[in-house]
Amino acid sequence: MTTPTPTPAASPTPTSEVTVPFRAGREGYASYRIPALVTTASGTLLAFCEGRVESSKDWGHIDIVLKRSTDGGRTWGPLQVAADNGAGLAGNPAPVVLDTGRILLVHVRSSAAASEDLILRGQVSEADGRRIWVRHSDDDGRTWSPARDITKQVKKPGWRWYATTPGHGIQLTGGRVVVPGNHTLPPAPGGTGTEPQYNSGHCLLSDDRGESWYLGYLDQNTNGYINVNETMAAELPDGRVYFNARNDSRSPGTRADAHSTDGGRTLVLPFRPQAGLIAPVCQGSVLQLRDPDVLLYAGPALHDFRALLTIRASYDHGTTWEPVFTADGLPAAYSDLARVDARTLGLLYETGDFGAYERIAFRRVSVTRLTSGYDGGGRRVGP
């Protein structure tokens, strides 16, 4: 096991329902983006994100950084590097907590000069472009194993852009690991590759707890109607896997969703518009609660601006949605959700007073507050 790169410890945050584990310009990084959150088998919270060394841009020298909390997110330990790529990029953290207690960290790497635009245009070599790696921790995120390159198992020749979820992946009841991903196809003659119609979806699957990987469903077309991008997954109580994705194309709304009945190998139907979720073009996160049976979605709630981070609930497994909690009226963007304990949900999200990327905040939210209108049988109570 490797020892995490030492970084200066942050002063403990006072006990509060809202804490700030990552703040732009502090602890050696100009910007922090792309949060991911999991609760380990022992109850430790692991908050991951990208630590961007030089600026807020999404290419260059970027590490995956981590802070741990052993008191439900009220205070956070020192910053540590969970994955790096030298002076290049290690990003899009997709942690998964396994039934063995092991934590997988699936992520992507690329060279520092490989911007998204250059990759989309096919102007970056395969060696310098997006590659997929995995490492693990067996001690609650304190230390991490050497990383393994799994690109050949989960990326098809010709794909250009590639990203894991971002946010946490899941392990299904039967043991399979599911990590959603997205990629772009090479363009037709006359295209550049930067057009939204080339965005496509897939998922990474492992049936041996992360030792080997293969591709599950592929959702790809160039119709310019629904072309999915960043995606998250949840296992429903009936065993189906629910996928909810950002859509950059022209369908009604900016969200799309789909279901799988075979553990992510295929989709029942291709992704369809989910017009019940009002949102800008932005990542959103999902989490299935089992007690009670409620599916949650978190993301900005305005049509065309990244702000008003809102949790919405579905009592019918993703068919319809209603708002149940709004963090505040501030700018906000990417997020992730995790169950902290029986009574508490954790929300890790990008936010700020004047822009959405000033800090990554953590908020404790009462599960009762989110599900107070639920009668235990899938029905709403009250007016």
Protein backbone atom coordinates (compact mmCIF):
# COMPACT_ATOMS: atom_id res chain seq x y z
CA MET A 1 0.00 0.00 0.00
CA THR A 2 1.23 3.50 -0.75
CA THR A 3 1.24 6.29 1.78
CA PRO A 4 -0.84 9.37 0.82
CA THR A 5 1.13 12.45 -0.21
CA PRO A 6 1.32 14.70 2.87
CA THR A 7 -0.65 17.93 2.67
CA PRO A 8 -1.19 20.61 5.30
CA ALA A 9 -4.04 19.82 7.68
CA ALA A 10 -7.00 22.16 7.65
CA SER A 11 -8.23 23.60 10.90
CA PRO A 12 -11.21 21.61 12.18
CA THR A 13 -14.51 23.08 11.08
CA PRO A 14 -16.83 23.96 13.96
CA THR A 15 -19.67 21.55 14.54
CA SER A 16 -22.48 22.54 12.18
CA GLU A 17 -25.02 21.12 9.81
CA VAL A 18 -22.94 22.73 7.03
CA THR A 19 -19.15 22.37 6.78
CA VAL A 20 -16.67 23.23 4.04
CA PRO A 21 -14.06 20.51 3.44
CA PHE A 22 -12.67 22.19 0.29
CA ARG A 23 -12.23 25.90 -0.42
CA ALA A 24 -10.68 27.30 -3.62
CA GLY A 25 -7.19 28.68 -3.22
CA ARG A 26 -6.37 26.75 -0.05
CA GLU A 27 -4.19 23.74 0.78
CA GLY A 28 -2.17 23.86 -2.42
CA TYR A 29 -4.94 23.97 -5.04
CA ALA A 30 -6.37 26.88 -6.99
CA SER A 31 -9.75 25.19 -7.42
CA TYR A 32 -11.74 22.15 -6.28
CA ARG A 33 -14.33 20.55 -8.56
CA ILE A 34 -16.28 17.33 -9.18
CA PRO A 35 -17.32 16.02 -5.74
CA ALA A 36 -17.96 12.37 -4.87
CA LEU A 37 -19.14 11.05 -1.51
CA VAL A 38 -19.36 7.62 0.11
CA THR A 39 -19.86 6.19 3.59
CA THR A 40 -17.57 3.28 4.44
CA ALA A 41 -18.62 0.09 6.18
CA SER A 42 -17.37 1.52 9.48
CA GLY A 43 -19.34 4.76 9.04
CA THR A 44 -16.48 7.01 7.92
CA LEU A 45 -17.38 9.63 5.32
CA LEU A 46 -14.99 9.98 2.39
CA ALA A 47 -15.29 13.23 0.42
CA PHE A 48 -13.41 13.15 -2.89
CA CYS A 49 -12.97 15.82 -5.53
CA GLU A 50 -10.53 17.09 -8.13
CA GLY A 51 -7.81 19.37 -6.77
CA ARG A 52 -6.84 21.62 -9.66
CA VAL A 53 -3.36 22.98 -9.06
CA GLU A 54 -3.04 25.95 -11.38
CA SER A 55 -6.57 27.18 -12.16
CA SER A 56 -10.20 26.11 -12.41
CA LYS A 57 -9.84 24.74 -15.94
CA ASP A 58 -10.57 21.05 -16.41
CA TRP A 59 -7.19 20.09 -17.86
CA GLY A 60 -3.64 20.54 -16.64
CA HIS A 61 -2.18 19.37 -13.32
CA ILE A 62 -5.12 17.85 -11.43
CA ASP A 63 -5.09 15.39 -8.53
CA ILE A 64 -7.92 13.48 -6.89
CA VAL A 65 -7.95 14.64 -3.29
CA LEU A 66 -9.75 13.27 -0.28
CA LYS A 67 -10.85 14.25 3.20
CA ARG A 68 -12.17 11.84 5.82
CA SER A 69 -14.74 12.46 8.55
CA THR A 70 -15.37 10.13 11.46
CA ASP A 71 -18.14 12.25 13.03
CA GLY A 72 -20.73 12.37 10.27
CA GLY A 73 -19.27 15.33 8.41
CA ARG A 74 -19.16 17.74 11.35
CA THR A 75 -15.35 17.94 11.11
CA TRP A 76 -12.86 16.80 8.48
CA GLY A 77 -9.33 15.47 8.66
CA PRO A 78 -6.34 16.66 6.65
CA LEU A 79 -6.33 16.74 2.89
CA GLN A 80 -4.65 13.79 1.19
CA VAL A 81 -4.02 12.80 -2.40
CA ALA A 82 -6.02 9.69 -3.29
CA ALA A 83 -4.83 9.46 -6.92
CA ASP A 84 -2.49 11.46 -9.11
CA ASN A 85 -0.86 11.37 -12.53
CA GLY A 86 2.36 13.25 -11.88
CA ALA A 87 1.96 16.70 -13.44
CA GLY A 88 -0.92 15.41 -15.56
CA LEU A 89 -4.61 14.86 -14.84
CA ALA A 90 -6.25 12.34 -12.53
CA GLY A 91 -9.95 13.12 -12.28
CA ASN A 92 -13.61 12.12 -12.26
CA PRO A 93 -13.42 10.15 -8.99
CA ALA A 94 -15.97 7.30 -8.87
CA PRO A 95 -15.63 5.59 -5.47
CA VAL A 96 -17.50 2.37 -4.67
CA VAL A 97 -17.83 0.81 -1.21
CA LEU A 98 -17.86 -2.99 -1.47
CA ASP A 99 -19.52 -5.55 0.78
CA THR A 100 -16.05 -6.61 1.92
CA GLY A 101 -15.31 -3.11 3.24
CA ARG A 102 -12.85 -2.39 0.42
CA ILE A 103 -13.24 0.97 -1.33
CA LEU A 104 -12.61 1.06 -5.07
CA LEU A 105 -11.63 4.33 -6.74
CA VAL A 106 -12.29 4.26 -10.47
CA HIS A 107 -11.00 7.36 -12.26
CA VAL A 108 -9.60 8.74 -15.51
CA ARG A 109 -6.17 10.04 -16.42
CA SER A 110 -4.80 12.08 -19.31
CA SER A 111 -1.82 14.27 -20.10
CA ALA A 112 -1.76 17.84 -18.79
CA ALA A 113 -2.08 19.32 -22.29
CA ALA A 114 -5.05 17.16 -23.34
CA SER A 115 -7.96 19.60 -23.16
CA GLU A 116 -11.51 18.40 -23.78
CA ASP A 117 -11.68 20.38 -27.01
CA LEU A 118 -8.54 18.78 -28.43
CA ILE A 119 -9.71 15.29 -27.42
CA LEU A 120 -13.15 15.83 -28.98
CA ARG A 121 -11.51 16.97 -32.22
CA GLY A 122 -9.33 13.85 -32.33
CA GLN A 123 -6.10 15.83 -31.93
CA VAL A 124 -4.76 13.87 -28.93
CA SER A 125 -3.03 10.50 -29.11
CA GLU A 126 -4.48 7.46 -27.38
CA ALA A 127 -1.57 7.46 -24.94
CA ASP A 128 -2.15 11.08 -23.94
CA GLY A 129 -5.95 10.94 -24.02
CA ARG A 130 -8.48 9.66 -21.53
CA ARG A 131 -7.49 6.38 -19.89
CA ILE A 132 -9.28 4.55 -17.08
CA TRP A 133 -7.60 3.44 -13.86
CA VAL A 134 -8.66 1.80 -10.60
CA ARG A 135 -7.08 1.53 -7.17
CA HIS A 136 -8.42 0.46 -3.79
CA SER A 137 -8.20 1.04 -0.06
CA ASP A 138 -8.64 -1.58 2.65
CA ASP A 139 -8.26 0.81 5.59
CA ASP A 140 -11.16 3.27 5.21
CA GLY A 141 -9.33 5.52 2.76
CA ARG A 142 -6.20 6.11 4.81
CA THR A 143 -3.91 4.51 2.22
CA TRP A 144 -4.34 3.33 -1.36
CA SER A 145 -3.01 0.50 -3.47
CA PRO A 146 -1.02 1.05 -6.67
CA ALA A 147 -3.33 1.97 -9.56
CA ARG A 148 -4.14 -0.40 -12.45
CA ASP A 149 -4.88 0.70 -16.02
CA ILE A 150 -8.13 -0.95 -17.19
CA THR A 151 -8.55 1.09 -20.39
CA LYS A 152 -8.45 -1.87 -22.78
CA GLN A 153 -11.27 -3.57 -20.86
CA VAL A 154 -13.74 -0.67 -20.92
CA LYS A 155 -12.90 1.74 -23.78
CA LYS A 156 -13.57 0.91 -27.41
CA PRO A 157 -11.15 1.95 -30.18
CA GLY A 158 -12.23 5.22 -31.77
CA TRP A 159 -13.95 6.68 -28.73
CA ARG A 160 -12.59 10.14 -28.02
CA TRP A 161 -13.77 11.76 -24.80
CA TYR A 162 -14.31 9.45 -21.84
CA ALA A 163 -15.41 10.11 -18.28
CA THR A 164 -16.51 8.10 -15.27
CA THR A 165 -19.82 9.10 -13.76
CA PRO A 166 -18.87 11.62 -11.89
CA GLY A 167 -20.00 10.75 -8.35
CA HIS A 168 -20.14 7.42 -6.53
CA GLY A 169 -20.60 4.07 -8.22
CA ILE A 170 -22.63 1.23 -6.70
CA GLN A 171 -22.42 -2.45 -5.84
CA LEU A 172 -25.63 -4.33 -6.55
CA THR A 173 -27.22 -6.74 -4.10
CA GLY A 174 -25.86 -9.68 -6.08
CA GLY A 175 -22.30 -8.34 -5.91
CA ARG A 176 -21.85 -6.72 -9.32
CA VAL A 177 -20.13 -3.33 -9.37
CA VAL A 178 -21.70 -0.69 -11.64
CA VAL A 179 -19.91 2.55 -12.57
CA PRO A 180 -21.69 4.70 -15.19
CA GLY A 181 -19.58 6.42 -17.82
CA ASN A 182 -19.83 8.54 -20.93
CA HIS A 183 -17.87 8.85 -24.14
CA THR A 184 -18.02 10.54 -27.52
CA LEU A 185 -18.07 8.97 -30.97
CA PRO A 186 -15.94 10.16 -33.87
CA PRO A 187 -17.90 12.57 -36.08
CA ALA A 188 -19.46 11.99 -39.47
CA PRO A 189 -17.81 13.73 -42.44
CA GLY A 190 -18.13 17.48 -41.97
CA GLY A 191 -18.36 17.28 -38.18
CA THR A 192 -15.67 18.28 -35.72
CA GLY A 193 -16.52 15.92 -32.86
CA THR A 194 -17.43 18.79 -30.52
CA GLU A 195 -21.15 18.70 -31.38
CA PRO A 196 -23.47 17.46 -28.57
CA GLN A 197 -24.90 14.75 -30.83
CA TYR A 198 -21.74 12.67 -30.40
CA ASN A 199 -22.17 12.35 -26.61
CA SER A 200 -22.93 8.74 -25.65
CA GLY A 201 -23.42 6.63 -22.54
CA HIS A 202 -22.19 3.32 -21.19
CA CYS A 203 -21.36 1.66 -17.89
CA LEU A 204 -18.41 -0.27 -16.49
CA LEU A 205 -19.21 -3.60 -14.82
CA SER A 206 -17.22 -5.94 -12.60
CA ASP A 207 -18.41 -9.29 -11.28
CA ASP A 208 -15.32 -9.95 -9.14
CA ARG A 209 -15.23 -6.86 -6.94
CA GLY A 210 -13.05 -4.80 -9.22
CA GLU A 211 -10.44 -7.35 -10.27
CA SER A 212 -11.62 -7.37 -13.89
CA TRP A 213 -13.99 -5.11 -15.85
CA TYR A 214 -16.14 -5.09 -18.95
CA LEU A 215 -18.61 -2.80 -20.70
CA GLY A 216 -22.33 -3.00 -20.00
CA TYR A 217 -25.00 -1.11 -21.94
CA LEU A 218 -24.17 1.26 -24.78
CA ASP A 219 -26.50 4.17 -25.47
CA GLN A 220 -25.16 5.93 -28.51
CA ASN A 221 -26.72 7.60 -31.50
CA THR A 222 -26.14 10.80 -33.42
CA ASN A 223 -29.73 12.00 -33.70
CA GLY A 224 -29.13 15.19 -31.70
CA TYR A 225 -32.26 14.54 -29.61
CA ILE A 226 -31.04 12.63 -26.55
CA ASN A 227 -27.29 12.29 -26.25
CA VAL A 228 -26.42 11.46 -22.67
CA ASN A 229 -23.42 12.77 -20.82
CA GLU A 230 -22.61 12.53 -17.08
CA THR A 231 -24.65 9.71 -15.50
CA MET A 232 -25.32 8.23 -12.05
CA ALA A 233 -26.93 4.96 -11.01
CA ALA A 234 -29.06 3.57 -8.18
CA GLU A 235 -30.37 0.07 -7.48
CA LEU A 236 -34.14 0.09 -6.97
CA PRO A 237 -35.77 -2.22 -4.38
CA ASP A 238 -37.10 -4.48 -7.15
CA GLY A 239 -33.56 -5.09 -8.42
CA ARG A 240 -33.68 -2.81 -11.46
CA VAL A 241 -30.85 -0.35 -11.98
CA TYR A 242 -31.96 3.23 -12.51
CA PHE A 243 -29.73 5.57 -14.54
CA ASN A 244 -30.16 9.35 -14.58
CA ALA A 245 -28.09 11.44 -16.98
CA ARG A 246 -27.31 14.93 -18.14
CA ASN A 247 -28.52 15.54 -21.69
CA ASP A 248 -26.83 18.21 -23.80
CA SER A 249 -29.08 17.84 -26.85
CA ARG A 250 -32.47 19.26 -27.76
CA SER A 251 -34.99 16.88 -26.16
CA PRO A 252 -37.56 18.27 -23.70
CA GLY A 253 -35.55 19.32 -20.67
CA THR A 254 -31.93 18.62 -19.85
CA ARG A 255 -32.28 15.27 -18.01
CA ALA A 256 -32.80 11.76 -19.32
CA ASP A 257 -33.21 8.41 -17.58
CA ALA A 258 -33.31 4.68 -18.26
CA HIS A 259 -33.68 1.34 -16.49
CA SER A 260 -31.87 -1.98 -16.67
CA THR A 261 -33.28 -5.33 -15.57
CA ASP A 262 -30.04 -7.27 -16.05
CA GLY A 263 -27.67 -5.39 -13.78
CA GLY A 264 -26.57 -2.80 -16.32
CA ARG A 265 -25.72 -5.13 -19.21
CA THR A 266 -28.53 -3.67 -21.34
CA LEU A 267 -31.24 -1.03 -21.07
CA VAL A 268 -34.95 -1.83 -21.24
CA LEU A 269 -35.33 1.20 -23.52
CA PRO A 270 -32.78 3.80 -24.60
CA PHE A 271 -32.52 6.92 -22.44
CA ARG A 272 -35.69 9.00 -22.64
CA PRO A 273 -36.40 12.61 -21.60
CA GLN A 274 -37.09 13.10 -17.89
CA ALA A 275 -38.93 16.41 -18.15
CA GLY A 276 -40.04 16.21 -14.51
CA LEU A 277 -36.58 17.38 -13.44
CA ILE A 278 -36.10 21.07 -14.13
CA ALA A 279 -32.36 21.69 -14.37
CA PRO A 280 -29.67 23.47 -16.34
CA VAL A 281 -27.20 21.44 -18.36
CA CYS A 282 -25.24 20.06 -15.41
CA GLN A 283 -24.36 16.88 -13.55
CA GLY A 284 -26.92 15.59 -11.04
CA SER A 285 -26.71 12.86 -8.40
CA VAL A 286 -29.07 10.05 -7.35
CA LEU A 287 -29.41 7.85 -4.28
CA GLN A 288 -31.92 5.13 -3.44
CA LEU A 289 -33.10 5.05 0.18
CA ARG A 290 -34.26 1.63 1.35
CA ASP A 291 -35.90 2.66 4.62
CA PRO A 292 -38.10 4.31 3.52
CA ASP A 293 -38.28 3.39 -0.18
CA VAL A 294 -37.56 6.78 -1.79
CA LEU A 295 -35.34 7.63 -4.76
CA LEU A 296 -33.55 10.96 -4.41
CA TYR A 297 -32.06 13.32 -6.98
CA ALA A 298 -29.86 16.36 -6.22
CA GLY A 299 -28.96 19.15 -8.62
CA PRO A 300 -29.51 22.80 -9.52
CA ALA A 301 -33.20 23.56 -9.97
CA LEU A 302 -33.24 26.45 -12.45
CA HIS A 303 -33.75 26.07 -16.19
CA ASP A 304 -30.63 27.81 -17.41
CA PHE A 305 -28.37 28.70 -14.48
CA ARG A 306 -26.37 26.58 -12.07
CA ALA A 307 -27.95 27.61 -8.79
CA LEU A 308 -30.61 26.64 -6.23
CA LEU A 309 -29.27 23.20 -5.26
CA THR A 310 -32.39 21.14 -4.58
CA ILE A 311 -33.06 17.56 -3.53
CA ARG A 312 -36.07 16.03 -5.24
CA ALA A 313 -37.80 12.79 -4.31
CA SER A 314 -39.51 10.10 -6.35
CA TYR A 315 -42.02 7.77 -4.69
CA ASP A 316 -42.56 5.78 -7.89
CA HIS A 317 -38.98 4.74 -8.70
CA GLY A 318 -38.11 7.67 -10.96
CA THR A 319 -41.33 8.20 -12.91
CA THR A 320 -42.28 11.48 -11.24
CA TRP A 321 -40.39 13.89 -8.98
CA GLU A 322 -41.10 16.60 -6.43
CA PRO A 323 -38.82 18.98 -4.51
CA VAL A 324 -38.31 18.12 -0.83
CA PHE A 325 -35.30 20.22 0.25
CA THR A 326 -33.45 23.28 -1.05
CA ALA A 327 -29.98 23.95 0.33
CA ASP A 328 -30.11 27.71 -0.29
CA GLY A 329 -30.52 30.19 -3.12
CA LEU A 330 -26.83 30.40 -3.98
CA PRO A 331 -25.01 29.39 -7.15
CA ALA A 332 -24.40 25.63 -7.15
CA ALA A 333 -23.37 22.93 -9.61
CA TYR A 334 -22.14 19.33 -9.22
CA SER A 335 -23.11 17.22 -6.20
CA ASP A 336 -23.19 13.77 -4.65
CA LEU A 337 -25.40 12.08 -2.04
CA ALA A 338 -24.68 9.46 0.61
CA ARG A 339 -26.51 7.99 3.59
CA VAL A 340 -24.60 9.08 6.70
CA ASP A 341 -26.64 7.05 9.19
CA ALA A 342 -30.22 5.92 9.72
CA ARG A 343 -31.43 9.46 10.36
CA THR A 344 -29.12 11.57 8.21
CA LEU A 345 -28.32 12.14 4.55
CA GLY A 346 -25.08 13.76 3.40
CA LEU A 347 -24.98 16.22 0.49
CA LEU A 348 -21.58 17.24 -0.94
CA TYR A 349 -21.87 20.02 -3.50
CA GLU A 350 -20.15 22.82 -5.36
CA THR A 351 -21.32 26.27 -4.34
CA GLY A 352 -20.30 29.84 -3.55
CA ASP A 353 -21.58 33.31 -2.78
CA PHE A 354 -20.87 34.77 -6.23
CA GLY A 355 -20.13 31.67 -8.31
CA ALA A 356 -20.70 27.94 -8.09
CA TYR A 357 -17.03 26.94 -7.79
CA GLU A 358 -15.79 28.86 -4.74
CA ARG A 359 -16.04 25.91 -2.38
CA ILE A 360 -17.29 22.37 -1.96
CA ALA A 361 -19.68 22.25 1.00
CA PHE A 362 -21.08 19.34 2.96
CA ARG A 363 -24.57 19.51 4.39
CA ARG A 364 -26.27 17.13 6.82
CA VAL A 365 -29.97 16.73 6.02
CA SER A 366 -32.54 14.87 8.11
CA VAL A 367 -34.00 11.86 6.31
CA THR A 368 -37.31 12.61 8.00
CA ARG A 369 -37.27 16.06 6.46
CA LEU A 370 -36.90 14.51 3.02
CA THR A 371 -39.57 11.85 3.44
CA SER A 372 -42.12 13.43 5.77
CA GLY A 373 -44.90 13.05 3.19
CA TYR A 374 -44.33 9.35 2.63
CA ASP A 375 -46.73 6.76 4.03
CA GLY A 376 -44.51 3.69 3.65
CA GLY A 377 -46.49 2.26 0.76
CA GLY A 378 -45.36 4.43 -2.13
CA ARG A 379 -48.08 7.03 -1.63
CA ARG A 380 -47.98 10.67 -0.66
CA VAL A 381 -49.99 11.84 2.36
CA GLY A 382 -51.55 15.21 2.93
CA PRO A 383 -52.74 17.66 0.27
